[in-house]
Protein backbone atom coordinates (compact mmCIF):
# COMPACT_ATOMS: atom_id res chain seq x y z
CA MET A 1 -95.81 -24.88 -74.18
CA LEU A 2 -98.60 -27.48 -73.98
CA GLY A 3 -98.72 -27.67 -77.76
CA TYR A 4 -95.05 -28.64 -77.80
CA LYS A 5 -95.74 -31.49 -75.37
CA PHE A 6 -98.56 -32.82 -77.52
CA ALA A 7 -96.25 -32.58 -80.53
CA GLN A 8 -93.73 -34.70 -78.64
CA LEU A 9 -96.42 -37.31 -77.97
CA ALA A 10 -97.43 -37.19 -81.63
CA SER A 11 -93.85 -38.08 -82.60
CA ILE A 12 -94.03 -41.34 -80.61
CA ASP A 13 -95.20 -44.42 -82.49
CA PRO A 14 -98.01 -45.95 -80.37
CA ASN A 15 -96.91 -49.40 -81.53
CA ARG A 16 -93.26 -48.82 -80.61
CA PRO A 17 -93.33 -46.22 -77.82
CA LEU A 18 -89.92 -47.14 -76.42
CA ALA A 19 -87.98 -46.82 -79.65
CA GLN A 20 -86.10 -43.84 -78.21
CA ASP A 21 -85.07 -43.12 -74.61
CA MET A 22 -85.77 -39.43 -75.20
CA HIS A 23 -89.48 -40.25 -75.11
CA ASN A 24 -89.41 -41.35 -71.46
CA GLN A 25 -90.21 -37.94 -70.00
CA THR A 26 -93.03 -37.38 -72.48
CA LEU A 27 -94.66 -40.73 -71.71
CA SER A 28 -94.37 -40.05 -67.99
CA LEU A 29 -95.86 -36.58 -68.42
CA PHE A 30 -98.87 -38.15 -70.13
CA GLY A 31 -99.41 -40.66 -67.35
CA ARG A 32 -97.77 -43.72 -68.95
CA GLU A 33 -94.98 -44.58 -66.57
CA ASP A 34 -95.98 -48.21 -67.00
CA LEU A 35 -94.51 -48.11 -70.51
CA ILE A 36 -91.09 -46.91 -69.38
CA SER A 37 -90.64 -48.56 -65.98
CA ARG A 38 -88.93 -51.69 -67.32
CA THR A 39 -86.31 -49.88 -69.38
CA SER A 40 -85.71 -46.46 -67.82
CA PRO A 41 -82.61 -46.20 -65.59
CA ASP A 42 -84.69 -44.06 -63.23
CA TYR A 43 -86.75 -47.16 -62.35
CA LYS A 44 -83.91 -49.68 -62.17
CA SER A 45 -83.42 -51.12 -58.68
CA ASN A 46 -80.03 -50.42 -57.09
CA TYR A 47 -80.21 -51.38 -53.43
CA CYS A 48 -77.77 -49.26 -51.42
CA GLY A 49 -78.21 -50.68 -47.93
CA THR A 50 -80.56 -49.68 -45.13
CA LEU A 51 -79.67 -46.72 -42.92
CA ALA A 52 -79.04 -48.03 -39.40
CA ASN A 53 -81.57 -47.14 -36.69
CA SER A 54 -83.84 -45.43 -39.19
CA GLY A 55 -87.52 -45.32 -38.38
CA ASP A 56 -90.43 -43.65 -40.11
CA VAL A 57 -89.20 -41.62 -43.07
CA PHE A 58 -91.51 -38.67 -42.54
CA SER A 59 -90.81 -38.50 -38.81
CA GLU A 60 -87.08 -38.31 -39.55
CA ILE A 61 -87.63 -35.54 -42.09
CA VAL A 62 -89.77 -33.52 -39.68
CA SER A 63 -87.24 -33.95 -36.89
CA ARG A 64 -84.40 -32.66 -39.04
CA ALA A 65 -86.47 -29.92 -40.68
CA ARG A 66 -86.98 -28.34 -37.25
CA ARG A 67 -83.25 -27.53 -37.16
CA THR A 68 -83.17 -25.51 -40.37
CA SER A 69 -85.27 -23.21 -42.51
CA ILE A 70 -84.49 -24.73 -45.91
CA VAL A 71 -85.44 -28.21 -47.10
CA VAL A 72 -84.35 -29.30 -50.57
CA ILE A 73 -85.82 -32.45 -52.08
CA ASN A 74 -85.13 -33.82 -55.53
CA GLU A 75 -87.06 -35.85 -58.07
CA SER A 76 -86.68 -37.88 -61.20
CA HIS A 77 -88.52 -36.15 -64.02
CA GLN A 78 -89.86 -39.57 -65.00
CA ARG A 79 -91.37 -40.66 -61.65
CA SER A 80 -94.56 -38.91 -60.58
CA GLU A 81 -94.35 -40.73 -57.25
CA HIS A 82 -91.57 -38.34 -56.24
CA ARG A 83 -93.99 -35.42 -56.58
CA GLY A 84 -96.52 -37.26 -54.48
CA PHE A 85 -93.86 -37.78 -51.83
CA THR A 86 -92.95 -34.09 -51.80
CA ALA A 87 -96.65 -33.32 -51.35
CA GLU A 88 -96.68 -35.52 -48.24
CA VAL A 89 -93.56 -33.73 -46.96
CA ALA A 90 -95.22 -30.36 -47.61
CA LYS A 91 -98.16 -31.38 -45.41
CA ARG A 92 -95.86 -32.21 -42.53
CA LEU A 93 -93.65 -29.13 -42.83
CA ARG A 94 -96.45 -26.57 -42.89
CA PRO A 95 -97.07 -26.80 -39.10
CA LEU A 96 -93.34 -26.09 -38.62
CA GLY A 97 -93.73 -22.72 -40.30
CA TYR A 98 -92.57 -23.66 -43.78
CA ASP A 99 -94.50 -21.28 -46.00
CA ILE A 100 -92.70 -21.07 -49.35
CA LEU A 101 -92.67 -23.77 -52.02
CA ALA A 102 -89.98 -23.11 -54.62
CA LEU A 103 -90.33 -25.32 -57.68
CA GLU A 104 -87.58 -25.61 -60.27
CA THR A 105 -90.22 -26.15 -62.94
CA LEU A 106 -92.03 -22.84 -62.40
CA SER A 107 -91.63 -20.30 -65.18
CA ASN A 108 -89.43 -17.46 -63.99
CA PRO A 109 -90.33 -14.28 -65.89
CA SER A 110 -87.70 -11.72 -66.75
CA PRO A 111 -87.70 -8.51 -64.67
CA GLY A 112 -90.01 -5.84 -66.01
CA ILE A 113 -92.31 -8.18 -67.92
CA PRO A 114 -95.82 -6.67 -68.23
CA ALA A 115 -98.25 -7.97 -65.61
CA GLN A 116 -100.59 -9.51 -68.17
CA TYR A 117 -97.82 -11.87 -69.26
CA LEU A 118 -96.93 -13.14 -65.81
CA PRO A 119 -97.60 -16.82 -65.04
CA SER A 120 -100.84 -17.50 -63.18
CA PHE A 121 -99.21 -18.31 -59.83
CA LEU A 122 -97.84 -14.73 -59.77
CA LYS A 123 -100.67 -12.93 -61.55
CA GLN A 124 -103.53 -14.81 -59.84
CA PRO A 125 -102.04 -16.49 -56.75
CA SER A 126 -105.49 -17.12 -55.26
CA LEU A 127 -106.39 -19.62 -58.00
CA PRO A 128 -106.69 -23.08 -56.43
CA TYR A 129 -104.81 -24.68 -59.32
CA LEU A 130 -101.87 -24.16 -61.66
CA ILE A 131 -102.15 -23.92 -65.43
CA ASP A 132 -100.11 -25.77 -68.02
CA GLU A 133 -98.22 -22.65 -69.04
CA ASP A 134 -96.92 -22.11 -65.48
CA GLY A 135 -94.04 -24.52 -66.01
CA PHE A 136 -92.82 -27.33 -68.22
CA TYR A 137 -93.21 -30.38 -65.97
CA LEU A 138 -96.43 -29.08 -64.38
CA SER A 139 -98.50 -30.66 -67.14
CA GLU A 140 -98.06 -34.01 -65.41
CA ALA A 141 -101.08 -34.48 -63.16
CA GLY A 142 -99.06 -35.39 -60.06
CA PHE A 143 -97.13 -32.13 -60.32
CA GLY A 144 -100.38 -30.25 -60.74
CA ARG A 145 -101.69 -31.96 -57.62
CA LEU A 146 -98.60 -30.87 -55.67
CA GLY A 147 -99.36 -27.29 -56.68
CA ARG A 148 -103.01 -27.63 -55.69
CA LEU A 149 -102.11 -29.02 -52.28
CA ALA A 150 -99.49 -26.35 -51.63
CA LYS A 151 -101.97 -23.60 -52.45
CA ALA A 152 -104.62 -25.17 -50.21
CA LEU A 153 -102.13 -25.39 -47.34
CA GLY A 154 -101.21 -21.73 -47.66
CA TYR A 155 -97.79 -22.06 -49.27
CA ARG A 156 -96.63 -19.22 -51.47
CA LEU A 157 -95.17 -20.49 -54.74
CA THR A 158 -92.00 -18.91 -56.01
CA PRO A 159 -89.87 -19.51 -59.11
CA TYR A 160 -86.09 -19.49 -59.13
CA GLU A 161 -84.96 -21.04 -62.41
CA TYR A 162 -82.06 -19.25 -64.08
CA ASN A 163 -83.05 -17.51 -67.29
CA ASP A 164 -80.19 -16.23 -69.41
CA GLU A 165 -82.36 -16.05 -72.55
CA GLY A 166 -79.95 -18.25 -74.48
CA ARG A 167 -76.83 -16.17 -73.93
CA SER A 168 -74.80 -19.12 -72.59
CA ARG A 169 -75.48 -21.55 -75.45
CA SER A 170 -72.07 -21.00 -77.02
CA LEU A 171 -70.25 -21.91 -73.79
CA PRO A 172 -68.93 -25.39 -72.94
CA VAL A 173 -71.53 -27.58 -71.22
CA ALA A 174 -69.74 -27.49 -67.86
CA GLU A 175 -69.83 -23.69 -67.88
CA GLN A 176 -73.49 -23.68 -68.86
CA ILE A 177 -74.28 -25.95 -65.92
CA ALA A 178 -72.26 -23.80 -63.51
CA LEU A 179 -74.03 -20.65 -64.67
CA ARG A 180 -77.40 -22.28 -64.17
CA GLU A 181 -76.54 -23.53 -60.67
CA GLU A 182 -75.19 -20.11 -59.70
CA GLY A 183 -78.21 -18.36 -61.16
CA GLN A 184 -80.64 -20.60 -59.29
CA ALA A 185 -78.80 -20.12 -56.00
CA ASN A 186 -78.62 -16.35 -56.51
CA SER A 187 -82.35 -16.18 -57.13
CA LEU A 188 -83.17 -18.11 -53.95
CA ALA A 189 -80.64 -16.18 -51.87
CA ALA A 190 -82.12 -12.89 -53.09
CA PHE A 191 -85.59 -14.11 -52.15
CA LEU A 192 -84.40 -14.92 -48.64
CA ARG A 193 -82.77 -11.51 -48.26
CA SER A 194 -86.14 -9.94 -49.07
CA ASN A 195 -88.04 -12.45 -46.91
CA PRO A 196 -85.71 -13.26 -43.98
CA ALA A 197 -88.42 -14.99 -41.94
CA ALA A 198 -89.40 -17.36 -44.75
CA LYS A 199 -88.94 -21.11 -44.49
CA LEU A 200 -88.42 -22.78 -47.84
CA LEU A 201 -89.30 -26.18 -49.26
CA ILE A 202 -87.44 -26.42 -52.56
CA HIS A 203 -88.32 -29.12 -55.10
CA VAL A 204 -85.59 -29.74 -57.67
CA GLY A 205 -84.54 -32.20 -60.32
CA TYR A 206 -81.84 -34.78 -59.74
CA SER A 207 -78.42 -33.48 -58.60
CA HIS A 208 -79.41 -29.87 -57.93
CA ALA A 209 -80.00 -30.94 -54.30
CA GLY A 210 -76.34 -31.87 -53.79
CA GLU A 211 -74.86 -29.77 -50.99
CA VAL A 212 -71.13 -30.53 -51.25
CA ALA A 213 -68.54 -29.92 -53.95
CA GLN A 214 -67.91 -32.74 -56.39
CA SER A 215 -64.53 -34.37 -57.00
CA ASP A 216 -63.88 -31.98 -59.90
CA GLY A 217 -64.72 -28.96 -57.76
CA SER A 218 -68.10 -28.31 -59.37
CA ARG A 219 -71.01 -27.38 -57.11
CA TRP A 220 -74.72 -27.88 -57.50
CA MET A 221 -77.40 -25.36 -56.54
CA ALA A 222 -77.87 -26.51 -52.92
CA ALA A 223 -74.14 -26.24 -52.18
CA ARG A 224 -74.06 -22.71 -53.58
CA LEU A 225 -77.20 -21.69 -51.67
CA LYS A 226 -75.69 -23.02 -48.44
CA GLU A 227 -72.60 -20.88 -48.98
CA LYS A 228 -74.53 -17.74 -49.91
CA THR A 229 -77.00 -17.86 -46.99
CA GLY A 230 -75.01 -19.56 -44.25
CA ILE A 231 -78.01 -21.86 -43.75
CA ASP A 232 -77.32 -25.59 -43.69
CA PRO A 233 -80.25 -27.05 -45.64
CA LEU A 234 -81.82 -30.44 -45.12
CA THR A 235 -81.17 -32.15 -48.46
CA ILE A 236 -83.18 -35.20 -49.47
CA SER A 237 -82.57 -37.41 -52.49
CA GLN A 238 -85.23 -39.62 -54.06
CA THR A 239 -83.09 -40.48 -57.08
CA THR A 240 -80.00 -42.10 -55.56
CA CYS A 241 -81.29 -45.50 -54.40
CA ARG A 242 -84.34 -47.41 -55.64
CA GLY A 243 -86.18 -50.65 -55.01
CA GLY A 244 -84.23 -51.76 -51.96
CA HIS A 245 -87.23 -52.11 -49.66
CA ASP A 246 -90.78 -53.39 -49.91
CA ARG A 247 -91.90 -50.11 -48.35
CA LEU A 248 -90.60 -46.57 -48.09
CA GLY A 249 -87.23 -46.50 -46.34
CA LEU A 250 -83.98 -44.63 -45.79
CA SER A 251 -80.73 -45.82 -47.34
CA VAL A 252 -77.02 -45.32 -46.84
CA PRO A 253 -75.16 -43.50 -49.62
CA PRO A 254 -73.85 -45.67 -52.46
CA ALA A 255 -70.14 -46.27 -52.81
CA GLY A 256 -68.39 -43.48 -54.66
CA GLU A 257 -70.82 -40.71 -53.75
CA PRO A 258 -69.15 -37.64 -52.21
CA ALA A 259 -69.53 -37.65 -48.42
CA GLY A 260 -72.41 -35.46 -47.33
CA MET A 261 -73.91 -35.12 -50.81
CA PHE A 262 -77.40 -35.52 -49.31
CA ASP A 263 -78.54 -35.62 -45.69
CA LEU A 264 -81.19 -38.27 -46.34
CA ILE A 265 -81.64 -40.79 -49.13
CA VAL A 266 -85.22 -41.96 -49.57
CA ASP A 267 -85.63 -45.40 -51.14
CA HIS A 268 -88.97 -45.98 -52.85
CA PRO A 269 -90.05 -49.60 -53.39
CA GLU A 270 -90.26 -51.05 -56.87
CA PRO A 271 -93.22 -49.50 -58.68
CA HIS A 272 -96.41 -51.47 -59.22
CA PHE A 273 -99.06 -50.73 -61.81
CA GLU A 274 -102.71 -51.66 -62.10
CA ARG A 275 -104.65 -51.01 -65.29
CA HIS A 276 -101.53 -49.22 -66.54
CA ARG A 277 -101.49 -46.71 -63.67
CA PRO A 278 -99.14 -46.44 -60.66
CA LYS A 279 -100.46 -48.06 -57.49
CA TRP A 280 -99.05 -45.35 -55.24
CA ARG A 281 -101.94 -43.13 -56.25
CA THR A 282 -104.47 -45.57 -54.82
CA TRP A 283 -102.45 -45.75 -51.61
CA LEU A 284 -102.93 -41.98 -51.27
CA GLY A 285 -106.68 -42.11 -51.87
CA ASP A 286 -107.24 -42.11 -55.63
CA GLN A 287 -109.84 -44.41 -57.15
CA ALA A 288 -109.46 -46.19 -60.49
CA VAL A 289 -112.21 -44.91 -62.81
CA SER A 290 -112.91 -46.76 -66.05
CA ILE A 291 -112.79 -44.86 -69.31
CA PRO A 292 -115.94 -45.86 -71.23
CA LYS A 293 -115.24 -47.99 -74.29
CA ALA A 294 -116.95 -45.40 -76.46
CA LEU A 295 -114.26 -42.90 -75.49
CA ARG A 296 -111.31 -45.15 -76.28
CA PRO A 297 -109.42 -44.58 -79.55
CA ALA A 298 -109.62 -46.68 -82.68
CA VAL A 299 -106.25 -45.46 -83.94
CA GLY A 300 -103.27 -43.60 -82.51
CA TRP A 301 -102.96 -41.80 -79.21
CA ARG A 302 -105.91 -40.24 -77.43
CA VAL A 303 -105.45 -38.09 -74.34
CA ILE A 304 -108.16 -38.09 -71.68
CA GLU A 305 -108.19 -35.24 -69.15
CA ALA A 306 -110.35 -35.03 -66.01
CA ARG A 307 -111.00 -31.75 -64.21
CA PRO A 308 -113.37 -30.70 -61.43
CA VAL A 309 -116.62 -29.57 -63.04
CA SER A 310 -116.11 -25.98 -61.89
CA GLU A 311 -112.71 -25.49 -63.58
CA THR A 312 -111.76 -24.21 -67.01
CA SER A 313 -109.74 -26.21 -69.52
CA VAL A 314 -106.57 -24.21 -68.79
CA SER A 315 -106.06 -25.76 -65.35
CA VAL A 316 -103.65 -28.64 -64.94
CA PRO A 317 -106.15 -31.52 -64.80
CA MET A 318 -106.54 -33.85 -61.85
CA ASP A 319 -105.57 -36.59 -64.26
CA ARG A 320 -104.22 -36.65 -67.80
CA VAL A 321 -103.46 -39.94 -69.52
CA ALA A 322 -102.62 -41.03 -73.07
CA ILE A 323 -104.24 -44.26 -74.23
CA ARG A 324 -103.89 -46.49 -77.29
CA PRO A 325 -106.35 -48.73 -79.14
CA GLY A 326 -107.27 -51.87 -77.20
CA GLU A 327 -106.05 -50.61 -73.82
CA ASP A 328 -108.13 -50.58 -70.64
CA VAL A 329 -106.41 -47.66 -68.94
CA ALA A 330 -107.98 -46.21 -65.81
CA LEU A 331 -108.26 -42.61 -64.75
CA MET A 332 -106.93 -42.09 -61.22
CA LEU A 333 -109.06 -39.62 -59.29
CA PRO A 334 -109.99 -38.68 -55.74
CA PRO A 335 -113.73 -38.72 -54.97
CA GLY A 336 -115.55 -35.85 -56.67
CA ARG A 337 -117.38 -34.73 -59.81
CA TYR A 338 -115.36 -34.30 -62.98
CA LYS A 339 -115.72 -33.34 -66.60
CA LEU A 340 -113.68 -35.02 -69.31
CA ARG A 341 -111.82 -33.50 -72.21
CA ILE A 342 -110.76 -35.73 -75.10
CA ILE A 343 -107.88 -34.86 -77.41
CA ASP A 344 -106.90 -37.01 -80.38
CA VAL A 345 -103.21 -36.74 -81.15
CA VAL A 346 -102.46 -36.77 -84.86
CA ALA A 347 -99.25 -38.60 -85.71
CA LEU A 348 -96.55 -36.46 -87.24
CA LYS A 349 -95.75 -37.27 -90.84
CA LYS A 350 -92.22 -38.48 -91.37
CA THR A 351 -90.11 -36.52 -93.82
CA SER A 352 -87.60 -38.24 -96.06
């Protein structure tokens, strides 16, 4: 899985990294959101209007989370800040008894798979970190940090992604989507039947958090889970409205969105970068650490990874960033002692 991601980076021309929109997720995964923030729709400001009488965002979430046992929060797969926000929510929900973190990105093994092939979070749940093979988006350092925090807080990690092993590929796209949403909801509902006292924080991508039917009658995962369990979840969107405030705020739904699609819409301010890295990480305690000039590349992409000195190279690093010749890109790290791993990415040869 990690090899595929490096192959994707290798396919990106360092001199023209934005030649294709499909590269946005790869650049974000390798810590280079600064390269995509001006062109990606997921970063484009679209002020929706401030929610009346709204106060502190986290206080509002905690207040509403007390009334349910399921909280669903979404993310853009291109904005690591959304994972940092979910980590802050996880901190505040743990004292309320929330004890399960369900991540869409976690690999969901087929029933009966031999124990030695299980992902690390199932095979070795006591590990303080996740590994790259535990899920596709987990290779991004912010996602890895969310996993580390959840483990430290005592959350149990559970997968729920639908796995039909390719059987639905011949179906129309709408049917494929419906099967996936139904499969995800079934997996979570089954987990709750087996663990009726559990309180779930579910981290999803984009529209999966929608809890009402759409105009065409289609339903996303959260709407299906609500129907199956009878539990009204607290649904939170981070992808609906962007850049409307100079600080974290709550917004009203945009015109045209189905009523009740999400309970809360979180509006993150416009992103800021320093030395090519997102400022939100310094606001949460990271320090910018210079990469020595001797370790910077002369040609092509070079990936720098930083891990605590006690960890093996399979752990999702505390930071992972791709740099190009001539760039002064910082590592973003909390205080501690780290070891570096350097990986030169060989450009893929073009075929005629």
